[in-house]
Amino acid sequence: MKSAELLLCGLISLMILSAVDIPAVAQDAGEDEIQMISSWIQGEDADFRALGFGEVRDRAKGEAATKHFASLLPKLSPDAQVGLLSALGERGDTLARPDVLSVLGATDSDAVKAAAIKAIGYLGQQDDLPLLVAMLAEGSDDGKAAAQRSLVRISGEEIHPTIVQLMRQSEPKVQVTLIEILTTRRAVDIIPDLIATACGDNAVTRAAAMTSLGQIADAQQLPGMVQGVLAAEQGAEREAAEKCVMFVCNRIEDKEKQADPLLRAVAALPHERDRTAMLPTIGRVGGIEARKLVEAAINSRDTVTHEMGVRALCNWPDSSIATLLMQLTRGDLHPDHRKRALRALIRVAPLGDEKTEIEKLKLLWGAMALSQRDEERNLVLERAPAIRIQESLRFVLPYLDYPPCMEQACLSVVDLAHHRGLREPNKDMFHPALDKVMSLSKDRITVARARRYKEGGTWLGSDE
């Protein structure tokens, strides 16, 4: 008899067994049903095994069934163990836990270990956390991935504090993974521990803790996060920490009040040098009151305060400070400050809803006029496609004839042409521009895009 016919016979047998004395509420599996499913699982036929795993997972109810199926684990081949472990895990009956742990300790198969660790995520308890954390450090790649998923899934009242305790005993790499797990679990109850880590001595775990706080903290935790910013090293770590504070502030619904809790937390700092050091963070959030502080700092005769004010203004989230940036670009005594201000102006020019598209383009035009190096000119051209009007194309076109900016100008033309709603009504402008791009650009993809857009097509199936 063929495998498919055997499978059909098995299904019919199962239906007959299930049809006897059907109660109103799901009935525990009987002995005959358990034995038949067990024979499928222990057999050589892959289709029957799959059918048996499905019955273990979804239909064969009862504690006796769970215990019997779990007891089969040591008798099975590694492939069958993997399938049964998956079924027992998703079955969710914790009575299978001892057998799952037993096969985990006995096997040499990485696949079986990973399947058992995954099952523990469904069946495990607080006592299993050290095992899962150890797998993060010592297991195979599949085992580490399974342990991470199980640590996200496992349930219990003391799970979060226990993970924090184990985290303190782990090496930094594992600590980072555990912080990511706690973040995925939205473990707001351990935020004080995250703040303590964010203010600690290890740069790697500091950064991970601040990233987590940026995702799950709220305005009440900003005083602690301010300390995390101050603990971060100058440079990339400090900038990333500032952005995490910004994320928390941005979740405040009233935009006009987003900076208020941060301003209060900074005002409460006992040392003026720390309050000054927090100005770039305040600049990332913006707002009327923040702008007053920043302008006062820029006007200060103290060089450090002035520099922090400039940094704050260059971090601003919108173009409301464009005029100040232009003034700094033209008149600041420090060359680096002028460079920062110009780049910030280029960044913010297309941002915000308070200006018309023409007004935004005028800001870019002003930034181009202030640009003295081709590096900045190319940055201006790169931002132009964010302003989706035909005047942006007119702005870009002259730079097709300026070799240092030609390639970026070509890319900006095709980026503007990407938008069908802009391109189609203005074919008389776009088609000659795209022809010129195809004749000038040395970039294969840019040329291909130009050709597609001229033909009225899309690029890589994009929704225009």
Protein backbone atom coordinates (compact mmCIF):
# COMPACT_ATOMS: atom_id res chain seq x y z
CA MET A 1 0.00 0.00 0.00
CA LYS A 2 1.33 3.43 -0.95
CA SER A 3 2.21 6.13 1.59
CA ALA A 4 -0.70 8.35 0.57
CA GLU A 5 -3.14 5.42 0.98
CA LEU A 6 -1.68 4.61 4.40
CA LEU A 7 -2.04 8.24 5.40
CA LEU A 8 -5.68 8.24 4.32
CA CYS A 9 -6.32 5.08 6.32
CA GLY A 10 -4.71 6.72 9.34
CA LEU A 11 -6.88 9.78 9.01
CA ILE A 12 -10.01 7.62 8.73
CA SER A 13 -8.98 5.68 11.83
CA LEU A 14 -8.42 8.88 13.74
CA MET A 15 -11.80 10.21 12.65
CA ILE A 16 -13.48 6.99 13.82
CA LEU A 17 -11.74 7.16 17.19
CA SER A 18 -12.62 10.82 17.60
CA ALA A 19 -16.26 10.25 16.66
CA VAL A 20 -16.99 7.86 19.51
CA ASP A 21 -19.00 9.42 22.36
CA ILE A 22 -18.27 13.04 21.32
CA PRO A 23 -18.92 15.20 24.39
CA ALA A 24 -19.89 18.87 24.46
CA VAL A 25 -16.44 19.76 25.80
CA ALA A 26 -13.15 18.54 24.32
CA GLN A 27 -12.32 15.10 25.72
CA ASP A 28 -8.89 13.84 26.72
CA ALA A 29 -7.33 11.48 24.20
CA GLY A 30 -8.04 7.81 24.87
CA GLU A 31 -5.43 5.08 25.12
CA ASP A 32 -6.08 3.76 21.61
CA GLU A 33 -5.71 7.23 20.11
CA ILE A 34 -2.50 7.88 22.05
CA GLN A 35 -1.00 4.56 20.91
CA MET A 36 -1.92 5.14 17.28
CA ILE A 37 -0.37 8.64 17.28
CA SER A 38 2.71 7.25 19.01
CA SER A 39 3.09 4.59 16.32
CA TRP A 40 3.01 7.28 13.66
CA ILE A 41 5.65 9.35 15.46
CA GLN A 42 7.95 6.33 15.92
CA GLY A 43 7.44 5.04 12.41
CA GLU A 44 9.60 5.55 9.35
CA ASP A 45 7.01 7.28 7.18
CA ALA A 46 7.60 11.06 7.15
CA ASP A 47 3.99 11.84 6.27
CA PHE A 48 2.65 9.84 9.19
CA ARG A 49 5.18 11.44 11.53
CA ALA A 50 4.04 14.89 10.41
CA LEU A 51 0.43 13.84 11.02
CA GLY A 52 1.38 12.60 14.47
CA PHE A 53 3.17 15.84 15.35
CA GLY A 54 0.09 17.77 14.29
CA GLU A 55 -2.09 15.65 16.59
CA VAL A 56 0.32 16.19 19.50
CA ARG A 57 0.30 19.91 18.85
CA ASP A 58 -3.39 20.53 18.39
CA ARG A 59 -5.78 17.65 19.12
CA ALA A 60 -4.68 14.85 21.42
CA LYS A 61 -5.62 16.48 24.72
CA GLY A 62 -4.89 15.55 28.33
CA GLU A 63 -2.11 15.17 30.84
CA ALA A 64 -1.70 11.45 30.19
CA ALA A 65 -1.18 12.15 26.49
CA THR A 66 1.40 14.83 27.22
CA LYS A 67 3.39 12.55 29.53
CA HIS A 68 3.27 9.66 27.06
CA PHE A 69 4.34 11.71 24.05
CA ALA A 70 7.14 13.38 26.00
CA SER A 71 8.40 9.96 27.13
CA LEU A 72 8.96 9.03 23.49
CA LEU A 73 11.73 11.61 23.04
CA PRO A 74 14.72 9.37 23.99
CA LYS A 75 13.49 6.63 21.63
CA LEU A 76 13.44 8.78 18.50
CA SER A 77 15.95 9.69 15.84
CA PRO A 78 17.29 13.28 15.97
CA ASP A 79 15.01 14.38 13.11
CA ALA A 80 11.96 12.95 14.85
CA GLN A 81 13.07 14.48 18.15
CA VAL A 82 13.17 17.91 16.52
CA GLY A 83 9.61 17.48 15.22
CA LEU A 84 8.23 16.19 18.51
CA LEU A 85 10.00 18.89 20.54
CA SER A 86 8.41 21.54 18.33
CA ALA A 87 4.98 19.94 18.76
CA LEU A 88 5.34 19.60 22.53
CA GLY A 89 6.47 23.19 22.84
CA GLU A 90 3.54 24.57 20.90
CA ARG A 91 1.22 22.19 22.78
CA GLY A 92 2.12 24.31 25.82
CA ASP A 93 1.66 21.68 28.54
CA THR A 94 4.43 22.19 31.11
CA LEU A 95 4.23 18.51 32.08
CA ALA A 96 6.55 17.89 29.12
CA ARG A 97 9.24 20.16 30.55
CA PRO A 98 11.28 17.51 32.47
CA ASP A 99 11.56 15.28 29.38
CA VAL A 100 12.52 18.25 27.21
CA LEU A 101 15.27 19.22 29.63
CA SER A 102 16.43 15.62 29.80
CA VAL A 103 16.84 15.27 26.04
CA LEU A 104 18.59 18.66 25.96
CA GLY A 105 21.19 17.39 28.42
CA ALA A 106 21.66 14.07 26.65
CA THR A 107 21.89 15.01 22.97
CA ASP A 108 24.94 15.90 20.90
CA SER A 109 22.83 17.21 18.02
CA ASP A 110 22.83 20.99 17.60
CA ALA A 111 19.46 20.78 15.86
CA VAL A 112 17.91 18.86 18.76
CA LYS A 113 19.44 21.26 21.27
CA ALA A 114 18.00 24.24 19.39
CA ALA A 115 14.56 22.60 19.20
CA ALA A 116 14.63 21.80 22.93
CA ILE A 117 15.68 25.35 23.79
CA LYS A 118 12.85 26.67 21.63
CA ALA A 119 10.39 24.38 23.44
CA ILE A 120 11.59 25.72 26.79
CA GLY A 121 10.35 29.12 25.67
CA TYR A 122 6.83 27.69 25.75
CA LEU A 123 7.20 25.32 28.69
CA GLY A 124 9.93 26.83 30.86
CA GLN A 125 9.96 28.74 34.13
CA GLN A 126 12.19 31.06 36.09
CA ASP A 127 14.58 28.22 37.02
CA ASP A 128 15.38 27.70 33.33
CA LEU A 129 16.68 31.23 32.78
CA PRO A 130 20.34 30.45 33.68
CA LEU A 131 20.31 27.66 31.08
CA LEU A 132 18.91 29.96 28.39
CA VAL A 133 21.36 32.73 29.21
CA ALA A 134 24.25 30.24 29.14
CA MET A 135 23.15 29.19 25.65
CA LEU A 136 23.49 32.81 24.52
CA ALA A 137 27.18 32.64 25.35
CA GLU A 138 28.09 29.04 24.51
CA GLY A 139 25.57 27.56 22.10
CA SER A 140 25.67 27.11 18.34
CA ASP A 141 24.30 29.89 16.17
CA ASP A 142 20.93 28.12 15.96
CA GLY A 143 21.03 27.47 19.68
CA LYS A 144 21.75 31.12 20.45
CA ALA A 145 18.89 32.22 18.19
CA ALA A 146 16.55 29.73 19.85
CA ALA A 147 17.62 30.86 23.33
CA GLN A 148 17.02 34.47 22.40
CA ARG A 149 13.51 33.69 21.12
CA SER A 150 12.76 31.64 24.23
CA LEU A 151 13.92 34.41 26.54
CA VAL A 152 11.52 36.74 24.75
CA ARG A 153 8.65 34.24 25.03
CA ILE A 154 9.06 32.66 28.48
CA SER A 155 6.53 33.82 31.06
CA GLY A 156 6.51 34.29 34.82
CA GLU A 157 6.26 37.02 37.45
CA GLU A 158 9.98 37.18 38.28
CA ILE A 159 11.36 36.76 34.78
CA HIS A 160 12.53 40.36 34.32
CA PRO A 161 14.35 40.75 37.67
CA THR A 162 16.01 37.37 37.17
CA ILE A 163 17.22 38.30 33.71
CA VAL A 164 18.66 41.53 35.15
CA GLN A 165 20.45 39.55 37.87
CA LEU A 166 21.91 37.17 35.28
CA MET A 167 22.83 40.11 33.08
CA ARG A 168 25.02 41.56 35.82
CA GLN A 169 26.98 38.30 35.90
CA SER A 170 27.44 38.05 32.12
CA GLU A 171 30.05 39.36 29.73
CA PRO A 172 29.22 42.60 27.89
CA LYS A 173 28.23 40.89 24.62
CA VAL A 174 25.64 38.76 26.40
CA GLN A 175 24.49 41.77 28.42
CA VAL A 176 23.73 43.61 25.19
CA THR A 177 21.65 40.67 23.93
CA LEU A 178 19.76 40.50 27.23
CA ILE A 179 19.05 44.22 27.08
CA GLU A 180 17.65 43.73 23.58
CA ILE A 181 15.49 40.87 24.89
CA LEU A 182 14.16 42.99 27.75
CA THR A 183 13.39 45.75 25.26
CA THR A 184 11.43 43.37 23.06
CA ARG A 185 9.53 42.23 26.16
CA ARG A 186 8.73 45.92 26.89
CA ALA A 187 10.15 45.37 30.38
CA VAL A 188 9.33 48.80 31.79
CA ASP A 189 9.66 47.44 35.33
CA ILE A 190 13.46 47.24 34.95
CA ILE A 191 13.97 50.77 33.61
CA PRO A 192 15.89 51.81 36.78
CA ASP A 193 18.36 48.99 36.04
CA LEU A 194 18.69 50.20 32.45
CA ILE A 195 19.40 53.72 33.66
CA ALA A 196 22.07 52.40 36.00
CA THR A 197 23.66 50.52 33.09
CA ALA A 198 23.42 53.61 30.86
CA CYS A 199 25.50 55.48 33.45
CA GLY A 200 28.01 52.66 33.94
CA ASP A 201 31.64 52.19 32.97
CA ASN A 202 31.27 49.99 29.88
CA ALA A 203 30.66 51.86 26.63
CA VAL A 204 29.05 48.88 24.88
CA THR A 205 26.44 48.21 27.56
CA ARG A 206 25.90 51.95 28.11
CA ALA A 207 24.95 52.35 24.47
CA ALA A 208 22.66 49.30 24.52
CA ALA A 209 20.88 50.53 27.65
CA MET A 210 20.34 54.00 26.18
CA THR A 211 18.99 52.48 22.98
CA SER A 212 16.54 50.44 25.05
CA LEU A 213 15.47 53.49 27.05
CA GLY A 214 14.90 55.37 23.83
CA GLN A 215 12.32 52.72 22.94
CA ILE A 216 10.52 51.98 26.20
CA ALA A 217 11.10 54.90 28.59
CA ASP A 218 8.77 57.85 29.05
CA ALA A 219 9.17 61.46 30.17
CA GLN A 220 9.42 60.47 33.84
CA GLN A 221 12.73 58.71 33.13
CA LEU A 222 14.33 61.72 31.41
CA PRO A 223 16.34 62.84 34.48
CA GLY A 224 18.05 59.45 34.51
CA MET A 225 18.55 59.51 30.76
CA VAL A 226 20.18 62.93 31.05
CA GLN A 227 22.75 61.31 33.32
CA GLY A 228 23.19 58.65 30.62
CA VAL A 229 23.94 61.33 28.03
CA LEU A 230 26.53 62.91 30.33
CA ALA A 231 28.12 59.51 30.95
CA ALA A 232 28.49 58.83 27.21
CA GLU A 233 31.80 59.55 25.54
CA GLN A 234 31.98 62.55 23.22
CA GLY A 235 31.43 61.63 19.60
CA ALA A 236 29.27 58.84 18.20
CA GLU A 237 28.20 57.47 21.60
CA ARG A 238 27.13 60.88 22.90
CA GLU A 239 25.22 61.67 19.70
CA ALA A 240 23.40 58.32 19.81
CA ALA A 241 22.48 58.91 23.46
CA GLU A 242 21.14 62.37 22.60
CA LYS A 243 18.92 60.85 19.93
CA CYS A 244 17.50 58.36 22.44
CA VAL A 245 16.43 61.27 24.65
CA MET A 246 14.91 62.91 21.58
CA PHE A 247 12.88 59.74 20.82
CA VAL A 248 11.37 59.83 24.30
CA CYS A 249 10.51 63.52 24.03
CA ASN A 250 9.00 63.03 20.59
CA ARG A 251 6.48 60.57 22.03
CA ILE A 252 4.87 63.40 23.99
CA GLU A 253 1.67 64.11 22.06
CA ASP A 254 1.64 67.87 22.49
CA LYS A 255 4.45 69.02 20.22
CA GLU A 256 4.72 72.38 21.99
CA LYS A 257 5.46 70.60 25.27
CA GLN A 258 7.88 67.96 24.04
CA ALA A 259 10.94 69.75 25.38
CA ASP A 260 9.42 70.73 28.75
CA PRO A 261 10.40 67.64 30.83
CA LEU A 262 13.89 67.67 29.32
CA LEU A 263 14.33 71.36 30.12
CA ARG A 264 13.24 70.72 33.71
CA ALA A 265 15.66 67.79 34.03
CA VAL A 266 18.54 69.87 32.68
CA ALA A 267 17.67 72.87 34.86
CA ALA A 268 17.86 70.59 37.91
CA LEU A 269 21.50 69.65 37.21
CA PRO A 270 23.71 71.13 39.93
CA HIS A 271 26.67 72.07 37.72
CA GLU A 272 26.60 74.68 34.97
CA ARG A 273 29.07 72.70 32.86
CA ASP A 274 26.59 69.81 32.73
CA ARG A 275 23.72 72.10 31.85
CA THR A 276 25.84 73.54 29.04
CA ALA A 277 26.85 70.06 27.86
CA MET A 278 23.15 69.16 27.48
CA LEU A 279 22.45 71.97 24.99
CA PRO A 280 23.04 69.77 21.90
CA THR A 281 20.49 67.30 23.28
CA ILE A 282 17.98 70.10 23.84
CA GLY A 283 18.59 71.24 20.28
CA ARG A 284 17.49 67.85 18.93
CA VAL A 285 14.05 68.33 20.50
CA GLY A 286 13.61 72.00 19.60
CA GLY A 287 10.75 74.27 20.64
CA ILE A 288 10.34 77.90 21.64
CA GLU A 289 11.82 77.67 25.15
CA ALA A 290 14.69 75.55 23.93
CA ARG A 291 15.46 78.09 21.25
CA LYS A 292 15.74 80.86 23.85
CA LEU A 293 18.38 78.87 25.73
CA VAL A 294 20.27 78.04 22.57
CA GLU A 295 20.31 81.61 21.26
CA ALA A 296 21.58 82.83 24.64
CA ALA A 297 24.38 80.26 24.46
CA ILE A 298 25.33 81.30 20.92
CA ASN A 299 25.56 84.91 22.05
CA SER A 300 27.77 83.98 25.01
CA ARG A 301 31.38 85.16 25.11
CA ASP A 302 32.39 81.88 26.71
CA THR A 303 33.85 79.75 23.92
CA VAL A 304 32.56 76.41 25.29
CA THR A 305 29.05 77.75 25.81
CA HIS A 306 29.06 79.29 22.34
CA GLU A 307 30.20 76.02 20.76
CA MET A 308 27.50 74.02 22.56
CA GLY A 309 24.93 76.54 21.38
CA VAL A 310 26.11 76.15 17.79
CA ARG A 311 25.95 72.36 18.09
CA ALA A 312 22.44 72.63 19.51
CA LEU A 313 21.27 74.81 16.64
CA CYS A 314 22.82 72.43 14.11
CA ASN A 315 20.84 69.56 15.68
CA TRP A 316 17.51 71.37 15.30
CA PRO A 317 14.67 69.14 14.01
CA ASP A 318 13.09 71.63 11.58
CA SER A 319 13.84 74.67 9.44
CA SER A 320 12.49 77.28 11.85
CA ILE A 321 16.09 78.25 12.68
CA ALA A 322 17.22 78.54 9.05
CA THR A 323 17.86 82.30 9.34
CA LEU A 324 20.11 81.77 12.36
CA LEU A 325 22.01 79.06 10.52
CA MET A 326 22.58 81.42 7.61
CA GLN A 327 23.89 84.06 9.99
CA LEU A 328 26.29 81.59 11.55
CA THR A 329 27.45 80.37 8.13
CA ARG A 330 28.22 83.92 7.09
CA GLY A 331 29.61 85.35 10.28
CA ASP A 332 30.83 82.87 12.91
CA LEU A 333 34.49 83.35 13.67
CA HIS A 334 35.25 79.63 13.85
CA PRO A 335 35.57 77.82 10.47
CA ASP A 336 34.25 74.55 11.89
CA HIS A 337 31.15 76.33 13.23
CA ARG A 338 30.50 77.84 9.80
CA LYS A 339 30.84 74.43 8.18
CA ARG A 340 28.47 72.84 10.72
CA ALA A 341 25.90 75.57 10.27
CA LEU A 342 25.93 75.27 6.47
CA ARG A 343 25.49 71.51 6.58
CA ALA A 344 22.64 71.89 9.07
CA LEU A 345 20.99 74.44 6.77
CA ILE A 346 21.25 72.01 3.86
CA ARG A 347 19.70 69.27 6.01
CA VAL A 348 16.72 71.24 7.34
CA ALA A 349 15.85 73.27 4.23
CA PRO A 350 13.30 70.73 2.85
CA LEU A 351 11.82 69.91 6.28
CA GLY A 352 8.56 70.93 7.90
CA ASP A 353 5.04 71.81 6.81
CA GLU A 354 5.10 75.48 7.78
CA LYS A 355 6.87 76.54 4.56
CA THR A 356 5.75 76.20 0.95
CA GLU A 357 7.82 74.09 -1.44
CA ILE A 358 9.08 77.26 -3.12
CA GLU A 359 10.17 78.67 0.24
CA LYS A 360 12.04 75.44 0.97
CA LEU A 361 13.75 75.61 -2.39
CA LYS A 362 14.77 79.21 -1.71
CA LEU A 363 16.52 77.98 1.44
CA LEU A 364 18.43 75.42 -0.61
CA TRP A 365 19.27 78.13 -3.12
CA GLY A 366 20.63 80.24 -0.28
CA ALA A 367 22.65 77.27 1.00
CA MET A 368 24.11 76.79 -2.47
CA ALA A 369 25.07 80.45 -2.62
CA LEU A 370 26.88 80.05 0.71
CA SER A 371 28.68 76.86 -0.38
CA GLN A 372 32.32 77.44 -1.18
CA ARG A 373 33.31 73.80 -1.70
CA ASP A 374 32.02 71.19 -4.13
CA GLU A 375 31.41 68.82 -1.21
CA GLU A 376 28.69 71.12 0.12
CA ARG A 377 27.34 71.82 -3.38
CA ASN A 378 26.84 68.11 -3.88
CA LEU A 379 25.03 67.88 -0.53
CA VAL A 380 22.67 70.64 -1.66
CA LEU A 381 21.96 68.80 -4.90
CA GLU A 382 21.38 65.58 -2.97
CA ARG A 383 18.65 67.28 -0.90
CA ALA A 384 16.90 68.92 -3.87
CA PRO A 385 14.73 65.88 -4.81
CA ALA A 386 13.04 66.10 -1.40
CA ILE A 387 11.29 69.20 -2.79
CA ARG A 388 9.06 67.69 -5.47
CA ILE A 389 8.32 70.61 -7.77
CA GLN A 390 9.45 71.39 -11.30
CA GLU A 391 11.47 74.34 -10.01
CA SER A 392 13.73 71.81 -8.26
CA LEU A 393 14.59 70.34 -11.64
CA ARG A 394 15.42 73.82 -12.96
CA PHE A 395 17.62 74.31 -9.89
CA VAL A 396 19.55 71.09 -10.55
CA LEU A 397 19.95 71.28 -14.35
CA PRO A 398 22.84 73.80 -14.56
CA TYR A 399 25.05 71.49 -12.49
CA LEU A 400 24.90 68.83 -15.22
CA ASP A 401 27.45 71.05 -16.95
CA TYR A 402 29.67 71.45 -13.89
CA PRO A 403 31.96 68.37 -13.79
CA PRO A 404 32.60 68.24 -9.99
CA CYS A 405 28.83 68.04 -9.40
CA MET A 406 27.71 66.38 -12.63
CA GLU A 407 27.21 62.85 -11.28
CA GLN A 408 25.21 64.01 -8.25
CA ALA A 409 23.15 66.29 -10.50
CA CYS A 410 22.38 63.31 -12.75
CA LEU A 411 21.25 61.29 -9.74
CA SER A 412 19.10 64.17 -8.49
CA VAL A 413 17.41 64.46 -11.90
CA VAL A 414 16.44 60.77 -11.90
CA ASP A 415 15.36 60.96 -8.24
CA LEU A 416 12.98 63.77 -9.19
CA ALA A 417 11.84 61.87 -12.29
CA HIS A 418 11.07 58.84 -10.12
CA HIS A 419 7.83 60.55 -9.05
CA ARG A 420 5.34 59.98 -11.82
CA GLY A 421 3.04 62.73 -10.59
CA LEU A 422 5.85 65.26 -11.09
CA ARG A 423 7.39 63.72 -14.20
CA GLU A 424 4.37 63.10 -16.42
CA PRO A 425 2.88 66.63 -16.42
CA ASN A 426 6.33 68.07 -17.10
CA LYS A 427 7.63 65.79 -19.87
CA ASP A 428 8.84 68.76 -21.88
CA MET A 429 11.36 69.46 -19.10
CA PHE A 430 12.12 65.95 -17.95
CA HIS A 431 12.69 64.20 -21.28
CA PRO A 432 15.57 66.45 -22.40
CA ALA A 433 17.02 66.29 -18.89
CA LEU A 434 16.86 62.49 -18.89
CA ASP A 435 18.47 62.39 -22.34
CA LYS A 436 21.31 64.47 -21.00
CA VAL A 437 21.68 62.22 -17.95
CA MET A 438 21.95 59.18 -20.25
CA SER A 439 24.69 60.87 -22.24
CA LEU A 440 26.68 62.13 -19.24
CA SER A 441 26.39 59.73 -16.32
CA LYS A 442 29.01 57.07 -15.77
CA ASP A 443 26.77 55.22 -13.32
CA ARG A 444 25.02 52.24 -14.93
CA ILE A 445 22.02 52.30 -12.58
CA THR A 446 21.49 56.04 -12.98
CA VAL A 447 21.45 55.64 -16.78
CA ALA A 448 19.07 52.66 -16.58
CA ARG A 449 16.69 54.59 -14.36
CA ALA A 450 16.75 57.59 -16.69
CA ARG A 451 15.87 55.34 -19.64
CA ARG A 452 13.02 53.67 -17.77
CA TYR A 453 11.52 56.96 -16.65
CA LYS A 454 11.69 58.45 -20.13
CA GLU A 455 9.81 55.40 -21.43
CA GLY A 456 7.12 56.03 -18.82
CA GLY A 457 8.07 53.00 -16.75
CA THR A 458 8.82 52.45 -13.09
CA TRP A 459 12.04 51.34 -11.42
CA LEU A 460 12.24 47.85 -9.89
CA GLY A 461 8.48 47.63 -9.60
CA SER A 462 8.35 50.66 -7.31
CA ASP A 463 5.03 52.25 -6.46
CA GLU A 464 5.31 55.77 -7.75
